[in-house]
Amino acid sequence: MEKISLSHIKVRKGKVEIGFEAAGAAGAVWLVDDVELVRE
């Protein structure tokens, strides 16, 4: 399992938009689970 942390994400009008991009072979699968936002 890998944990990635991002700081200082801008929230506007109570909304945030995040995206995930993965490089891999054609037809590869990348599973994302348990995305969490924590107020600093």
N, C-alpha and C. Protein backbone atom coordinates (compact mmCIF):
# COMPACT_ATOMS: atom_id res chain seq x y z
N MET A 1 0.85 -1.18 0.00
CA MET A 1 0.00 0.00 0.00
C MET A 1 0.89 1.23 0.00
N GLU A 2 0.48 2.22 -0.76
CA GLU A 2 1.23 3.47 -0.86
C GLU A 2 0.37 4.62 -0.37
N LYS A 3 0.96 5.52 0.39
CA LYS A 3 0.24 6.68 0.89
C LYS A 3 0.83 7.92 0.24
N ILE A 4 -0.03 8.76 -0.29
CA ILE A 4 0.38 10.01 -0.92
C ILE A 4 -0.29 11.16 -0.17
N SER A 5 0.48 12.17 0.18
CA SER A 5 -0.07 13.34 0.88
C SER A 5 0.15 14.58 0.04
N LEU A 6 -0.87 15.40 -0.05
CA LEU A 6 -0.79 16.69 -0.74
C LEU A 6 -1.19 17.76 0.25
N SER A 7 -0.43 18.83 0.31
CA SER A 7 -0.79 19.91 1.24
C SER A 7 -1.23 21.14 0.46
N HIS A 8 -1.94 22.00 1.13
CA HIS A 8 -2.39 23.28 0.58
C HIS A 8 -3.28 23.14 -0.65
N ILE A 9 -4.23 22.23 -0.60
CA ILE A 9 -5.20 22.06 -1.67
C ILE A 9 -6.25 23.16 -1.52
N LYS A 10 -6.55 23.86 -2.59
CA LYS A 10 -7.52 24.96 -2.52
C LYS A 10 -8.95 24.44 -2.52
N VAL A 11 -9.72 24.94 -1.57
CA VAL A 11 -11.15 24.62 -1.48
C VAL A 11 -11.90 25.91 -1.74
N ARG A 12 -12.80 25.89 -2.71
CA ARG A 12 -13.57 27.08 -3.05
C ARG A 12 -15.05 26.78 -2.95
N LYS A 13 -15.74 27.60 -2.20
CA LYS A 13 -17.19 27.44 -2.01
C LYS A 13 -17.54 26.04 -1.52
N GLY A 14 -16.69 25.51 -0.64
CA GLY A 14 -16.96 24.21 -0.04
C GLY A 14 -16.71 23.02 -0.96
N LYS A 15 -16.03 23.26 -2.10
CA LYS A 15 -15.80 22.18 -3.06
C LYS A 15 -14.32 22.08 -3.40
N VAL A 16 -13.91 20.87 -3.72
CA VAL A 16 -12.54 20.62 -4.13
C VAL A 16 -12.57 19.62 -5.28
N GLU A 17 -11.66 19.77 -6.21
CA GLU A 17 -11.58 18.83 -7.33
C GLU A 17 -10.17 18.26 -7.38
N ILE A 18 -10.08 16.95 -7.35
CA ILE A 18 -8.79 16.28 -7.46
C ILE A 18 -8.86 15.27 -8.59
N GLY A 19 -7.72 14.95 -9.15
CA GLY A 19 -7.68 13.96 -10.24
C GLY A 19 -6.50 13.03 -10.02
N PHE A 20 -6.59 11.88 -10.63
CA PHE A 20 -5.53 10.88 -10.55
C PHE A 20 -5.11 10.52 -11.97
N GLU A 21 -3.83 10.43 -12.19
CA GLU A 21 -3.30 10.04 -13.50
C GLU A 21 -2.24 8.97 -13.28
N ALA A 22 -2.32 7.90 -14.03
CA ALA A 22 -1.35 6.82 -13.89
C ALA A 22 -0.79 6.46 -15.26
N ALA A 23 0.49 6.22 -15.30
CA ALA A 23 1.13 5.77 -16.53
C ALA A 23 1.34 4.27 -16.42
N GLY A 24 0.95 3.55 -17.46
CA GLY A 24 1.12 2.10 -17.43
C GLY A 24 0.82 1.51 -18.79
N ALA A 25 0.89 0.22 -18.85
CA ALA A 25 0.62 -0.50 -20.09
C ALA A 25 -0.85 -0.40 -20.46
N ALA A 26 -1.14 -0.49 -21.75
CA ALA A 26 -2.53 -0.47 -22.22
C ALA A 26 -3.31 -1.60 -21.56
N GLY A 27 -4.49 -1.27 -21.06
CA GLY A 27 -5.33 -2.27 -20.42
C GLY A 27 -5.00 -2.51 -18.95
N ALA A 28 -3.99 -1.82 -18.43
CA ALA A 28 -3.63 -1.98 -17.01
C ALA A 28 -4.73 -1.39 -16.13
N VAL A 29 -4.82 -1.86 -14.91
CA VAL A 29 -5.83 -1.39 -13.96
C VAL A 29 -5.14 -0.77 -12.76
N TRP A 30 -5.67 0.36 -12.32
CA TRP A 30 -5.15 1.03 -11.13
C TRP A 30 -6.33 1.25 -10.20
N LEU A 31 -6.27 0.69 -9.01
CA LEU A 31 -7.37 0.78 -8.06
C LEU A 31 -7.06 1.85 -7.01
N VAL A 32 -8.01 2.72 -6.77
CA VAL A 32 -7.87 3.78 -5.76
C VAL A 32 -8.97 3.57 -4.74
N ASP A 33 -8.59 3.59 -3.46
CA ASP A 33 -9.56 3.38 -2.39
C ASP A 33 -9.18 4.28 -1.22
N ASP A 34 -10.16 4.63 -0.43
CA ASP A 34 -9.95 5.40 0.80
C ASP A 34 -9.26 6.74 0.57
N VAL A 35 -9.86 7.58 -0.24
CA VAL A 35 -9.37 8.95 -0.42
C VAL A 35 -9.94 9.77 0.72
N GLU A 36 -9.10 10.54 1.39
CA GLU A 36 -9.53 11.27 2.58
C GLU A 36 -8.99 12.70 2.53
N LEU A 37 -9.84 13.66 2.85
CA LEU A 37 -9.43 15.07 2.98
C LEU A 37 -9.45 15.43 4.46
N VAL A 38 -8.37 16.04 4.93
CA VAL A 38 -8.26 16.42 6.33
C VAL A 38 -7.96 17.91 6.40
N ARG A 39 -8.77 18.63 7.14
CA ARG A 39 -8.57 20.07 7.27
C ARG A 39 -7.36 20.34 8.16
N GLU A 40 -6.47 21.21 7.69
CA GLU A 40 -5.28 21.56 8.46
C GLU A 40 -5.50 22.78 9.31
